[in-house]
Amino acid sequence: MCTCITYQTDEFYFGRNLDLEYSFGEQVVITPRNYRFPFEGNEDGQNHFAMIGMANITDHYPLYAEAANEKGLCMAGLNFPENAVYQEETIGKENIASYEIIPWILRRFSNAEDAAEYLRKVMVTGKAFAETIPPAPLHWMLADQDSCYVVEAVEEGIKIYPNPIGVLTNNPPFPFYLDYIRNFLHLSPETPENQFAKRLGEIAFPGKCGLTPYGEGMGAIGLPGDASPASRFVKASFLKWNSVCDQDEATSISQFFHILNGVSIARGSVRTEAGKYETTIYTCCIRPQEGIYYYKTYDDSQIYGVSLFEEDLGGKNLSVYEVERQQQIVWQNGGNKNK
């Protein structure tokens, strides 16, 4: 499970919760312009845009879960089981293995519109990275500050959907969500008025205001709170589109993490069929214009930042930053000395 969102204040932000029952060896990885990607299509993988994101490095190859390039284009892969269908390699077609689609797109394109147009013509194949690493069933969110798309490889082929909501979770396919969210048009952050029965309010409370709320937040009664993909989609959309936030960087980043906190998974609340527990193993927020990747992990709520532009982007070697996992606590009265 995962939840991905875009967010706009004075700047554009992109990020996600990554929900899994285990760590996949994630590290913050910066790929410089001259790192050589050994793409399956044998295309020269050098001289490309630099990128930053969270990845597992296997055989010196960054397997990105999400990333952004130096031009501000962002892409994330989210779990899409039972619906993802990859194609066989086809002679005469542009074939991209599913595991390489993020770096393939981010190395070549500076905006989402051009990347989406290109993806309409490709074959996403199910070629495994290695025998021990089968292709993951994924769909992708692709975005920049001007547009957002969902990319799905399904039985009919590649489907590209404009995503005006700027939110993506998991199953079902994206068109379902554009209809499903209409079930919640009555929700509001405002204090509700009596729509139940006007006359009942007058009879039950004569001389008063009628039926009135007994607490704050009652305009959103019925907002889903479970961890299912559809519920996370609706709740993340509600939190995002009703967000009130100052325009500065620090406040925007804080608000971004608060929105994703609203759909994060606490350990023990989702048990898989294998008897393991899914959690939000990390949450990230990318500030593409500045090339900064912010993240926090399940066991450490401190926000960390890694800057793309602090590295030698003309180099050939990956820059790797280990993910922090031990909770950082800042004591204000020396309480740590009392242990």
C-alpha atoms as a PDB file:
ATOM      1  CA  MET A   1       0.000   0.000   0.000  1.00  0.00           C
ATOM      2  CA  CYS A   2       1.094   3.570  -0.599  1.00  0.00           C
ATOM      3  CA  THR A   3      -0.264   7.098  -0.917  1.00  0.00           C
ATOM      4  CA  CYS A   4       1.250   9.733  -3.217  1.00  0.00           C
ATOM      5  CA  ILE A   5       0.281  13.412  -3.427  1.00  0.00           C
ATOM      6  CA  THR A   6       1.228  16.690  -5.066  1.00  0.00           C
ATOM      7  CA  TYR A   7       0.943  19.981  -3.200  1.00  0.00           C
ATOM      8  CA  GLN A   8       1.212  23.613  -4.227  1.00  0.00           C
ATOM      9  CA  THR A   9       1.933  26.728  -2.174  1.00  0.00           C
ATOM     10  CA  ASP A  10       4.495  29.218  -3.475  1.00  0.00           C
ATOM     11  CA  GLU A  11       6.353  26.151  -4.711  1.00  0.00           C
ATOM     12  CA  PHE A  12       5.427  22.699  -5.955  1.00  0.00           C
ATOM     13  CA  TYR A  13       5.907  19.661  -3.717  1.00  0.00           C
ATOM     14  CA  PHE A  14       5.646  15.926  -4.443  1.00  0.00           C
ATOM     15  CA  GLY A  15       5.896  12.950  -2.131  1.00  0.00           C
ATOM     16  CA  ARG A  16       4.432   9.815  -0.683  1.00  0.00           C
ATOM     17  CA  ASN A  17       3.948   7.354   2.125  1.00  0.00           C
ATOM     18  CA  LEU A  18       5.581   4.034   1.359  1.00  0.00           C
ATOM     19  CA  ASP A  19       3.665   1.308   3.186  1.00  0.00           C
ATOM     20  CA  LEU A  20       5.216  -2.149   3.437  1.00  0.00           C
ATOM     21  CA  GLU A  21       5.641  -4.939   5.944  1.00  0.00           C
ATOM     22  CA  TYR A  22       9.432  -4.827   5.595  1.00  0.00           C
ATOM     23  CA  SER A  23      12.313  -2.557   4.657  1.00  0.00           C
ATOM     24  CA  PHE A  24      13.473  -2.992   1.059  1.00  0.00           C
ATOM     25  CA  GLY A  25      16.979  -1.693   1.737  1.00  0.00           C
ATOM     26  CA  GLU A  26      15.999   1.888   0.977  1.00  0.00           C
ATOM     27  CA  GLN A  27      18.582   4.673   0.814  1.00  0.00           C
ATOM     28  CA  VAL A  28      18.473   8.241  -0.438  1.00  0.00           C
ATOM     29  CA  VAL A  29      20.330   8.067  -3.740  1.00  0.00           C
ATOM     30  CA  ILE A  30      21.572  10.852  -6.017  1.00  0.00           C
ATOM     31  CA  THR A  31      22.310   9.820  -9.596  1.00  0.00           C
ATOM     32  CA  PRO A  32      24.609  12.301 -11.399  1.00  0.00           C
ATOM     33  CA  ARG A  33      24.374  13.145 -15.085  1.00  0.00           C
ATOM     34  CA  ASN A  34      27.109  10.786 -16.223  1.00  0.00           C
ATOM     35  CA  TYR A  35      26.176   7.685 -14.249  1.00  0.00           C
ATOM     36  CA  ARG A  36      25.719   4.920 -16.817  1.00  0.00           C
ATOM     37  CA  PHE A  37      22.344   3.128 -16.635  1.00  0.00           C
ATOM     38  CA  PRO A  38      22.564  -0.363 -18.190  1.00  0.00           C
ATOM     39  CA  PHE A  39      19.107  -0.194 -19.762  1.00  0.00           C
ATOM     40  CA  GLU A  40      17.628  -3.364 -21.214  1.00  0.00           C
ATOM     41  CA  GLY A  41      16.904  -1.598 -24.490  1.00  0.00           C
ATOM     42  CA  ASN A  42      20.677  -1.079 -24.917  1.00  0.00           C
ATOM     43  CA  GLU A  43      20.162   2.668 -25.198  1.00  0.00           C
ATOM     44  CA  ASP A  44      23.142   4.691 -24.097  1.00  0.00           C
ATOM     45  CA  GLY A  45      22.385   5.472 -20.455  1.00  0.00           C
ATOM     46  CA  GLN A  46      24.887   8.321 -20.041  1.00  0.00           C
ATOM     47  CA  ASN A  47      24.594  12.100 -20.342  1.00  0.00           C
ATOM     48  CA  HIS A  48      21.181  12.510 -18.732  1.00  0.00           C
ATOM     49  CA  PHE A  49      19.423  14.656 -16.153  1.00  0.00           C
ATOM     50  CA  ALA A  50      20.535  14.117 -12.574  1.00  0.00           C
ATOM     51  CA  MET A  51      17.960  12.774 -10.098  1.00  0.00           C
ATOM     52  CA  ILE A  52      17.371  12.194  -6.392  1.00  0.00           C
ATOM     53  CA  GLY A  53      15.047   9.809  -4.591  1.00  0.00           C
ATOM     54  CA  MET A  54      14.657   6.732  -2.435  1.00  0.00           C
ATOM     55  CA  ALA A  55      16.076   3.554  -3.918  1.00  0.00           C
ATOM     56  CA  ASN A  56      17.470   0.135  -3.269  1.00  0.00           C
ATOM     57  CA  ILE A  57      20.884  -0.292  -4.849  1.00  0.00           C
ATOM     58  CA  THR A  58      21.500  -3.757  -6.265  1.00  0.00           C
ATOM     59  CA  ASP A  59      24.535  -4.469  -8.447  1.00  0.00           C
ATOM     60  CA  HIS A  60      25.249  -0.714  -8.470  1.00  0.00           C
ATOM     61  CA  TYR A  61      21.826   0.003  -9.991  1.00  0.00           C
ATOM     62  CA  PRO A  62      19.434   2.386  -8.178  1.00  0.00           C
ATOM     63  CA  LEU A  63      15.976   0.790  -8.120  1.00  0.00           C
ATOM     64  CA  TYR A  64      13.984   3.936  -7.380  1.00  0.00           C
ATOM     65  CA  ALA A  65      10.648   3.851  -5.538  1.00  0.00           C
ATOM     66  CA  GLU A  66      10.238   7.556  -6.293  1.00  0.00           C
ATOM     67  CA  ALA A  67      12.504  10.312  -7.517  1.00  0.00           C
ATOM     68  CA  ALA A  68      12.717  13.792  -9.024  1.00  0.00           C
ATOM     69  CA  ASN A  69      15.126  15.080 -11.634  1.00  0.00           C
ATOM     70  CA  GLU A  70      17.007  18.373 -11.740  1.00  0.00           C
ATOM     71  CA  LYS A  71      14.349  19.907 -14.017  1.00  0.00           C
ATOM     72  CA  GLY A  72      11.516  19.349 -11.506  1.00  0.00           C
ATOM     73  CA  LEU A  73       9.878  16.235 -12.990  1.00  0.00           C
ATOM     74  CA  CYS A  74       8.781  13.686 -10.360  1.00  0.00           C
ATOM     75  CA  MET A  75       7.676  10.060 -10.576  1.00  0.00           C
ATOM     76  CA  ALA A  76       6.652   7.419  -8.014  1.00  0.00           C
ATOM     77  CA  GLY A  77       5.709   3.748  -8.277  1.00  0.00           C
ATOM     78  CA  LEU A  78       2.836   2.420  -6.131  1.00  0.00           C
ATOM     79  CA  ASN A  79       1.618  -1.108  -5.581  1.00  0.00           C
ATOM     80  CA  PHE A  80      -0.997  -2.197  -8.137  1.00  0.00           C
ATOM     81  CA  PRO A  81      -1.536  -5.961  -7.623  1.00  0.00           C
ATOM     82  CA  GLU A  82      -4.006  -7.971  -9.701  1.00  0.00           C
ATOM     83  CA  ASN A  83      -4.273  -5.113 -12.205  1.00  0.00           C
ATOM     84  CA  ALA A  84      -0.722  -4.531 -13.446  1.00  0.00           C
ATOM     85  CA  VAL A  85      -0.122  -6.452 -16.676  1.00  0.00           C
ATOM     86  CA  TYR A  86       3.259  -6.133 -18.362  1.00  0.00           C
ATOM     87  CA  GLN A  87       3.866  -6.922 -22.031  1.00  0.00           C
ATOM     88  CA  GLU A  88       6.346  -9.140 -23.815  1.00  0.00           C
ATOM     89  CA  GLU A  89       9.202  -7.401 -25.572  1.00  0.00           C
ATOM     90  CA  THR A  90       8.165  -6.469 -29.099  1.00  0.00           C
ATOM     91  CA  ILE A  91      10.563  -5.905 -31.972  1.00  0.00           C
ATOM     92  CA  GLY A  92      10.139  -2.455 -33.466  1.00  0.00           C
ATOM     93  CA  LYS A  93       8.658  -1.023 -30.262  1.00  0.00           C
ATOM     94  CA  GLU A  94      10.227   0.987 -27.459  1.00  0.00           C
ATOM     95  CA  ASN A  95      10.503  -1.608 -24.671  1.00  0.00           C
ATOM     96  CA  ILE A  96      11.017  -0.526 -21.071  1.00  0.00           C
ATOM     97  CA  ALA A  97      11.284  -2.979 -18.180  1.00  0.00           C
ATOM     98  CA  SER A  98       8.982  -1.977 -15.320  1.00  0.00           C
ATOM     99  CA  TYR A  99      11.879  -1.623 -12.861  1.00  0.00           C
ATOM    100  CA  GLU A 100      13.659   0.928 -15.069  1.00  0.00           C
ATOM    101  CA  ILE A 101      10.713   3.156 -15.977  1.00  0.00           C
ATOM    102  CA  ILE A 102      11.431   5.834 -13.340  1.00  0.00           C
ATOM    103  CA  PRO A 103      15.068   6.500 -14.293  1.00  0.00           C
ATOM    104  CA  TRP A 104      14.254   6.025 -17.989  1.00  0.00           C
ATOM    105  CA  ILE A 105      11.700   8.849 -17.859  1.00  0.00           C
ATOM    106  CA  LEU A 106      13.496  11.164 -15.424  1.00  0.00           C
ATOM    107  CA  ARG A 107      16.767  11.027 -17.331  1.00  0.00           C
ATOM    108  CA  ARG A 108      15.136  12.175 -20.592  1.00  0.00           C
ATOM    109  CA  PHE A 109      12.228  14.512 -19.858  1.00  0.00           C
ATOM    110  CA  SER A 110      11.934  17.897 -18.207  1.00  0.00           C
ATOM    111  CA  ASN A 111       8.125  18.030 -17.938  1.00  0.00           C
ATOM    112  CA  ALA A 112       5.212  15.682 -17.292  1.00  0.00           C
ATOM    113  CA  GLU A 113       3.295  16.454 -20.474  1.00  0.00           C
ATOM    114  CA  ASP A 114       6.117  15.370 -22.784  1.00  0.00           C
ATOM    115  CA  ALA A 115       6.845  12.320 -20.659  1.00  0.00           C
ATOM    116  CA  ALA A 116       3.186  11.240 -20.691  1.00  0.00           C
ATOM    117  CA  GLU A 117       3.011  11.624 -24.476  1.00  0.00           C
ATOM    118  CA  TYR A 118       6.102   9.452 -24.845  1.00  0.00           C
ATOM    119  CA  LEU A 119       4.763   6.772 -22.486  1.00  0.00           C
ATOM    120  CA  ARG A 120       1.661   6.318 -24.634  1.00  0.00           C
ATOM    121  CA  LYS A 121       3.896   4.734 -27.288  1.00  0.00           C
ATOM    122  CA  VAL A 122       6.013   2.339 -25.225  1.00  0.00           C
ATOM    123  CA  MET A 123       5.785  -1.289 -24.121  1.00  0.00           C
ATOM    124  CA  VAL A 124       6.291  -1.788 -20.387  1.00  0.00           C
ATOM    125  CA  THR A 125       7.706  -5.291 -20.067  1.00  0.00           C
ATOM    126  CA  GLY A 126       7.797  -7.728 -17.178  1.00  0.00           C
ATOM    127  CA  LYS A 127      11.478  -8.515 -17.507  1.00  0.00           C
ATOM    128  CA  ALA A 128      12.902  -9.185 -14.043  1.00  0.00           C
ATOM    129  CA  PHE A 129      15.887  -7.226 -12.759  1.00  0.00           C
ATOM    130  CA  ALA A 130      17.298 -10.481 -11.408  1.00  0.00           C
ATOM    131  CA  GLU A 131      16.082 -13.988 -10.660  1.00  0.00           C
ATOM    132  CA  THR A 132      15.692 -13.037  -7.006  1.00  0.00           C
ATOM    133  CA  ILE A 133      13.933  -9.725  -7.831  1.00  0.00           C
ATOM    134  CA  PRO A 134      10.753 -10.379  -9.859  1.00  0.00           C
ATOM    135  CA  PRO A 135       8.879  -7.432 -11.387  1.00  0.00           C
ATOM    136  CA  ALA A 136       6.680  -5.647  -8.850  1.00  0.00           C
ATOM    137  CA  PRO A 137       3.063  -4.945  -9.902  1.00  0.00           C
ATOM    138  CA  LEU A 138       3.022  -1.157 -10.051  1.00  0.00           C
ATOM    139  CA  HIS A 139       1.329   1.898 -11.429  1.00  0.00           C
ATOM    140  CA  TRP A 140       2.943   5.316 -11.384  1.00  0.00           C
ATOM    141  CA  MET A 141       2.205   8.958 -10.655  1.00  0.00           C
ATOM    142  CA  LEU A 142       4.052  11.416 -12.874  1.00  0.00           C
ATOM    143  CA  ALA A 143       3.977  15.130 -12.090  1.00  0.00           C
ATOM    144  CA  ASP A 144       5.570  18.534 -12.328  1.00  0.00           C
ATOM    145  CA  GLN A 145       4.333  21.929 -11.151  1.00  0.00           C
ATOM    146  CA  ASP A 146       2.007  22.230 -14.151  1.00  0.00           C
ATOM    147  CA  SER A 147       0.428  18.807 -14.642  1.00  0.00           C
ATOM    148  CA  CYS A 148      -0.082  15.373 -13.118  1.00  0.00           C
ATOM    149  CA  TYR A 149      -0.732  11.973 -14.702  1.00  0.00           C
ATOM    150  CA  VAL A 150      -1.341   8.369 -13.676  1.00  0.00           C
ATOM    151  CA  VAL A 151       0.404   5.694 -15.743  1.00  0.00           C
ATOM    152  CA  GLU A 152      -1.046   2.175 -15.667  1.00  0.00           C
ATOM    153  CA  ALA A 153       0.145  -0.904 -17.542  1.00  0.00           C
ATOM    154  CA  VAL A 154      -2.980  -3.064 -17.784  1.00  0.00           C
ATOM    155  CA  GLU A 155      -4.223  -5.889 -19.980  1.00  0.00           C
ATOM    156  CA  GLU A 156      -5.293  -3.468 -22.720  1.00  0.00           C
ATOM    157  CA  GLY A 157      -1.857  -1.824 -22.751  1.00  0.00           C
ATOM    158  CA  ILE A 158      -0.536   1.462 -21.374  1.00  0.00           C
ATOM    159  CA  LYS A 159      -3.193   3.837 -20.057  1.00  0.00           C
ATOM    160  CA  ILE A 160      -2.326   7.465 -19.286  1.00  0.00           C
ATOM    161  CA  TYR A 161      -4.853   9.436 -17.230  1.00  0.00           C
ATOM    162  CA  PRO A 162      -4.708  13.130 -16.342  1.00  0.00           C
ATOM    163  CA  ASN A 163      -4.921  13.364 -12.554  1.00  0.00           C
ATOM    164  CA  PRO A 164      -6.555  16.670 -11.576  1.00  0.00           C
ATOM    165  CA  ILE A 165      -6.772  15.583  -7.919  1.00  0.00           C
ATOM    166  CA  GLY A 166      -3.047  14.984  -7.523  1.00  0.00           C
ATOM    167  CA  VAL A 167      -3.511  11.907  -5.314  1.00  0.00           C
ATOM    168  CA  LEU A 168      -2.857   8.224  -6.015  1.00  0.00           C
ATOM    169  CA  THR A 169      -3.110   5.087  -3.886  1.00  0.00           C
ATOM    170  CA  ASN A 170      -3.443   1.485  -5.118  1.00  0.00           C
ATOM    171  CA  ASN A 171      -6.212  -0.714  -6.589  1.00  0.00           C
ATOM    172  CA  PRO A 172      -8.578  -0.363  -8.421  1.00  0.00           C
ATOM    173  CA  PRO A 173      -7.490   1.367 -11.665  1.00  0.00           C
ATOM    174  CA  PHE A 174      -7.543   5.154 -11.546  1.00  0.00           C
ATOM    175  CA  PRO A 175     -10.870   5.797 -13.354  1.00  0.00           C
ATOM    176  CA  PHE A 176     -12.645   4.171 -10.390  1.00  0.00           C
ATOM    177  CA  TYR A 177     -11.446   6.945  -8.070  1.00  0.00           C
ATOM    178  CA  LEU A 178     -12.766   9.773 -10.214  1.00  0.00           C
ATOM    179  CA  ASP A 179     -16.239   8.293  -9.742  1.00  0.00           C
ATOM    180  CA  TYR A 180     -15.821   7.036  -6.160  1.00  0.00           C
ATOM    181  CA  ILE A 181     -14.880  10.437  -4.748  1.00  0.00           C
ATOM    182  CA  ARG A 182     -18.320  11.743  -5.784  1.00  0.00           C
ATOM    183  CA  ASN A 183     -19.815   9.749  -2.908  1.00  0.00           C
ATOM    184  CA  PHE A 184     -18.311  12.298  -0.522  1.00  0.00           C
ATOM    185  CA  LEU A 185     -19.464  15.585  -2.025  1.00  0.00           C
ATOM    186  CA  HIS A 186     -21.430  16.362   1.152  1.00  0.00           C
ATOM    187  CA  LEU A 187     -18.306  16.447   3.366  1.00  0.00           C
ATOM    188  CA  SER A 188     -17.013  19.837   4.450  1.00  0.00           C
ATOM    189  CA  PRO A 189     -14.527  21.371   6.885  1.00  0.00           C
ATOM    190  CA  GLU A 190     -17.231  23.890   7.804  1.00  0.00           C
ATOM    191  CA  THR A 191     -19.611  23.682  10.770  1.00  0.00           C
ATOM    192  CA  PRO A 192     -22.721  21.904   9.413  1.00  0.00           C
ATOM    193  CA  GLU A 193     -26.238  23.243   9.445  1.00  0.00           C
ATOM    194  CA  ASN A 194     -29.340  21.157  10.054  1.00  0.00           C
ATOM    195  CA  GLN A 195     -30.296  19.566   6.738  1.00  0.00           C
ATOM    196  CA  PHE A 196     -31.824  16.511   8.400  1.00  0.00           C
ATOM    197  CA  ALA A 197     -35.258  18.002   9.031  1.00  0.00           C
ATOM    198  CA  LYS A 198     -35.866  21.729   9.469  1.00  0.00           C
ATOM    199  CA  ARG A 199     -39.205  21.251  11.250  1.00  0.00           C
ATOM    200  CA  LEU A 200     -37.745  18.676  13.634  1.00  0.00           C
ATOM    201  CA  GLY A 201     -35.227  21.238  14.814  1.00  0.00           C
ATOM    202  CA  GLU A 202     -37.958  23.751  15.511  1.00  0.00           C
ATOM    203  CA  ILE A 203     -40.092  21.227  17.392  1.00  0.00           C
ATOM    204  CA  ALA A 204     -37.294  19.601  19.395  1.00  0.00           C
ATOM    205  CA  PHE A 205     -35.647  22.870  20.360  1.00  0.00           C
ATOM    206  CA  PRO A 206     -38.344  25.578  20.430  1.00  0.00           C
ATOM    207  CA  GLY A 207     -37.030  29.078  20.793  1.00  0.00           C
ATOM    208  CA  LYS A 208     -33.477  27.958  20.126  1.00  0.00           C
ATOM    209  CA  CYS A 209     -31.403  27.434  17.038  1.00  0.00           C
ATOM    210  CA  GLY A 210     -32.771  24.010  16.230  1.00  0.00           C
ATOM    211  CA  LEU A 211     -30.566  20.972  15.747  1.00  0.00           C
ATOM    212  CA  THR A 212     -26.959  22.104  16.075  1.00  0.00           C
ATOM    213  CA  PRO A 213     -23.575  20.360  16.175  1.00  0.00           C
ATOM    214  CA  TYR A 214     -22.274  19.219  19.546  1.00  0.00           C
ATOM    215  CA  GLY A 215     -18.615  19.530  18.559  1.00  0.00           C
ATOM    216  CA  GLU A 216     -16.147  20.765  15.970  1.00  0.00           C
ATOM    217  CA  GLY A 217     -15.335  18.783  12.853  1.00  0.00           C
ATOM    218  CA  MET A 218     -18.820  17.390  12.336  1.00  0.00           C
ATOM    219  CA  GLY A 219     -19.006  18.670   8.778  1.00  0.00           C
ATOM    220  CA  ALA A 220     -16.694  15.817   7.794  1.00  0.00           C
ATOM    221  CA  ILE A 221     -18.542  12.977   9.537  1.00  0.00           C
ATOM    222  CA  GLY A 222     -18.328  10.080   7.126  1.00  0.00           C
ATOM    223  CA  LEU A 223     -14.782  10.852   5.975  1.00  0.00           C
ATOM    224  CA  PRO A 224     -13.132   7.426   5.651  1.00  0.00           C
ATOM    225  CA  GLY A 225     -10.495   6.577   8.198  1.00  0.00           C
ATOM    226  CA  ASP A 226      -9.567   2.991   7.361  1.00  0.00           C
ATOM    227  CA  ALA A 227      -6.419   1.957   5.506  1.00  0.00           C
ATOM    228  CA  SER A 228      -8.011   0.683   2.304  1.00  0.00           C
ATOM    229  CA  PRO A 229      -6.783   2.275  -0.942  1.00  0.00           C
ATOM    230  CA  ALA A 230     -10.136   3.914  -1.698  1.00  0.00           C
ATOM    231  CA  SER A 231     -10.442   5.363   1.806  1.00  0.00           C
ATOM    232  CA  ARG A 232      -6.883   6.690   1.801  1.00  0.00           C
ATOM    233  CA  PHE A 233      -7.530   8.288  -1.583  1.00  0.00           C
ATOM    234  CA  VAL A 234     -10.603  10.129  -0.315  1.00  0.00           C
ATOM    235  CA  LYS A 235      -9.052  11.208   2.976  1.00  0.00           C
ATOM    236  CA  ALA A 236      -5.789  12.375   1.406  1.00  0.00           C
ATOM    237  CA  SER A 237      -7.792  14.324  -1.189  1.00  0.00           C
ATOM    238  CA  PHE A 238      -9.943  15.939   1.521  1.00  0.00           C
ATOM    239  CA  LEU A 239      -6.921  16.915   3.604  1.00  0.00           C
ATOM    240  CA  LYS A 240      -4.983  18.223   0.609  1.00  0.00           C
ATOM    241  CA  TRP A 241      -7.723  20.266  -1.008  1.00  0.00           C
ATOM    242  CA  ASN A 242      -8.942  21.769   2.264  1.00  0.00           C
ATOM    243  CA  SER A 243      -5.426  22.531   3.461  1.00  0.00           C
ATOM    244  CA  VAL A 244      -4.734  26.038   4.789  1.00  0.00           C
ATOM    245  CA  CYS A 245      -1.049  26.813   4.801  1.00  0.00           C
ATOM    246  CA  ASP A 246       1.359  29.756   4.777  1.00  0.00           C
ATOM    247  CA  GLN A 247       3.470  29.979   1.643  1.00  0.00           C
ATOM    248  CA  ASP A 248       6.972  29.710   3.123  1.00  0.00           C
ATOM    249  CA  GLU A 249       9.112  26.616   2.723  1.00  0.00           C
ATOM    250  CA  ALA A 250       9.194  25.411   6.339  1.00  0.00           C
ATOM    251  CA  THR A 251       5.433  25.710   6.809  1.00  0.00           C
ATOM    252  CA  SER A 252       4.708  24.090   3.443  1.00  0.00           C
ATOM    253  CA  ILE A 253       6.921  21.111   4.218  1.00  0.00           C
ATOM    254  CA  SER A 254       5.395  20.704   7.666  1.00  0.00           C
ATOM    255  CA  GLN A 255       1.893  20.825   6.183  1.00  0.00           C
ATOM    256  CA  PHE A 256       2.838  18.287   3.517  1.00  0.00           C
ATOM    257  CA  PHE A 257       3.939  15.792   6.160  1.00  0.00           C
ATOM    258  CA  HIS A 258       0.786  16.463   8.194  1.00  0.00           C
ATOM    259  CA  ILE A 259      -1.390  15.611   5.189  1.00  0.00           C
ATOM    260  CA  LEU A 260       0.387  12.302   4.657  1.00  0.00           C
ATOM    261  CA  ASN A 261       0.341  11.611   8.410  1.00  0.00           C
ATOM    262  CA  GLY A 262      -3.445  11.582   8.060  1.00  0.00           C
ATOM    263  CA  VAL A 263      -3.259   8.434   5.917  1.00  0.00           C
ATOM    264  CA  SER A 264      -0.218   6.731   7.447  1.00  0.00           C
ATOM    265  CA  ILE A 265      -0.342   3.153   8.737  1.00  0.00           C
ATOM    266  CA  ALA A 266       0.374   2.446  12.408  1.00  0.00           C
ATOM    267  CA  ARG A 267       2.066  -0.874  13.112  1.00  0.00           C
ATOM    268  CA  GLY A 268      -0.530  -3.440  14.124  1.00  0.00           C
ATOM    269  CA  SER A 269      -3.479  -1.854  12.311  1.00  0.00           C
ATOM    270  CA  VAL A 270      -3.008  -3.753   9.021  1.00  0.00           C
ATOM    271  CA  ARG A 271      -2.127  -7.430   9.119  1.00  0.00           C
ATOM    272  CA  THR A 272      -1.332  -9.199   5.856  1.00  0.00           C
ATOM    273  CA  GLU A 273      -2.436 -12.706   4.892  1.00  0.00           C
ATOM    274  CA  ALA A 274       1.098 -13.841   5.688  1.00  0.00           C
ATOM    275  CA  GLY A 275       0.663 -12.617   9.271  1.00  0.00           C
ATOM    276  CA  LYS A 276       2.972  -9.611   8.933  1.00  0.00           C
ATOM    277  CA  TYR A 277       2.128  -5.978   9.676  1.00  0.00           C
ATOM    278  CA  GLU A 278       2.245  -3.206   7.121  1.00  0.00           C
ATOM    279  CA  THR A 279       3.484   0.166   8.297  1.00  0.00           C
ATOM    280  CA  THR A 280       4.398   3.462   6.699  1.00  0.00           C
ATOM    281  CA  ILE A 281       8.108   2.710   6.631  1.00  0.00           C
ATOM    282  CA  TYR A 282       8.895   6.224   5.410  1.00  0.00           C
ATOM    283  CA  THR A 283       7.250   9.431   4.263  1.00  0.00           C
ATOM    284  CA  CYS A 284       8.971  11.771   1.823  1.00  0.00           C
ATOM    285  CA  CYS A 285       8.450  15.282   0.506  1.00  0.00           C
ATOM    286  CA  ILE A 286      10.383  16.446  -2.556  1.00  0.00           C
ATOM    287  CA  ARG A 287      10.936  20.138  -3.275  1.00  0.00           C
ATOM    288  CA  PRO A 288      11.823  19.756  -6.967  1.00  0.00           C
ATOM    289  CA  GLN A 289      12.722  23.361  -7.781  1.00  0.00           C
ATOM    290  CA  GLU A 290      15.476  23.265  -5.176  1.00  0.00           C
ATOM    291  CA  GLY A 291      16.332  19.595  -5.636  1.00  0.00           C
ATOM    292  CA  ILE A 292      15.742  18.749  -1.971  1.00  0.00           C
ATOM    293  CA  TYR A 293      14.494  15.389  -0.759  1.00  0.00           C
ATOM    294  CA  TYR A 294      12.975  15.440   2.750  1.00  0.00           C
ATOM    295  CA  TYR A 295      12.010  12.278   4.587  1.00  0.00           C
ATOM    296  CA  LYS A 296      11.163  10.756   7.936  1.00  0.00           C
ATOM    297  CA  THR A 297      10.878   7.103   8.912  1.00  0.00           C
ATOM    298  CA  TYR A 298       8.437   5.100  10.997  1.00  0.00           C
ATOM    299  CA  ASP A 299      10.799   4.931  13.970  1.00  0.00           C
ATOM    300  CA  ASP A 300      12.185   8.466  13.630  1.00  0.00           C
ATOM    301  CA  SER A 301       9.784  11.378  13.155  1.00  0.00           C
ATOM    302  CA  GLN A 302      12.641  13.868  12.725  1.00  0.00           C
ATOM    303  CA  ILE A 303      12.597  15.325   9.182  1.00  0.00           C
ATOM    304  CA  TYR A 304      15.885  14.913   7.287  1.00  0.00           C
ATOM    305  CA  GLY A 305      16.912  16.643   4.076  1.00  0.00           C
ATOM    306  CA  VAL A 306      19.307  15.738   1.263  1.00  0.00           C
ATOM    307  CA  SER A 307      20.115  18.242  -1.493  1.00  0.00           C
ATOM    308  CA  LEU A 308      20.662  17.190  -5.093  1.00  0.00           C
ATOM    309  CA  PHE A 309      22.565  20.326  -5.966  1.00  0.00           C
ATOM    310  CA  GLU A 310      25.117  19.900  -3.186  1.00  0.00           C
ATOM    311  CA  GLU A 311      26.633  16.987  -5.132  1.00  0.00           C
ATOM    312  CA  ASP A 312      28.913  16.927  -8.169  1.00  0.00           C
ATOM    313  CA  LEU A 313      26.204  16.395 -10.777  1.00  0.00           C
ATOM    314  CA  GLY A 314      28.758  16.036 -13.543  1.00  0.00           C
ATOM    315  CA  GLY A 315      30.160  12.890 -11.980  1.00  0.00           C
ATOM    316  CA  LYS A 316      29.703   9.212 -12.757  1.00  0.00           C
ATOM    317  CA  ASN A 317      29.182   7.695  -9.307  1.00  0.00           C
ATOM    318  CA  LEU A 318      26.072   7.437  -7.163  1.00  0.00           C
ATOM    319  CA  SER A 319      25.887   9.405  -3.912  1.00  0.00           C
ATOM    320  CA  VAL A 320      24.188   7.401  -1.175  1.00  0.00           C
ATOM    321  CA  TYR A 321      22.770   8.483   2.200  1.00  0.00           C
ATOM    322  CA  GLU A 322      21.726   5.927   4.773  1.00  0.00           C
ATOM    323  CA  VAL A 323      18.203   6.350   6.112  1.00  0.00           C
ATOM    324  CA  GLU A 324      17.967   7.393   9.761  1.00  0.00           C
ATOM    325  CA  ARG A 325      15.818   5.064  11.846  1.00  0.00           C
ATOM    326  CA  GLN A 326      16.459   5.883  15.529  1.00  0.00           C
ATOM    327  CA  GLN A 327      14.092   8.439  17.038  1.00  0.00           C
ATOM    328  CA  GLN A 328      15.748  11.797  17.706  1.00  0.00           C
ATOM    329  CA  ILE A 329      14.481  13.578  20.833  1.00  0.00           C
ATOM    330  CA  VAL A 330      15.557  17.108  21.717  1.00  0.00           C
ATOM    331  CA  TRP A 331      15.350  17.577  25.473  1.00  0.00           C
ATOM    332  CA  GLN A 332      14.562  21.085  26.702  1.00  0.00           C
ATOM    333  CA  ASN A 333      15.232  20.506  30.383  1.00  0.00           C
ATOM    334  CA  GLY A 334      18.008  17.915  30.409  1.00  0.00           C
ATOM    335  CA  GLY A 335      15.555  15.065  30.948  1.00  0.00           C
ATOM    336  CA  ASN A 336      17.776  12.616  29.112  1.00  0.00           C
ATOM    337  CA  LYS A 337      20.221  12.783  32.008  1.00  0.00           C
ATOM    338  CA  ASN A 338      17.664  11.175  34.304  1.00  0.00           C
ATOM    339  CA  LYS A 339      17.782   7.814  32.584  1.00  0.00           C
END
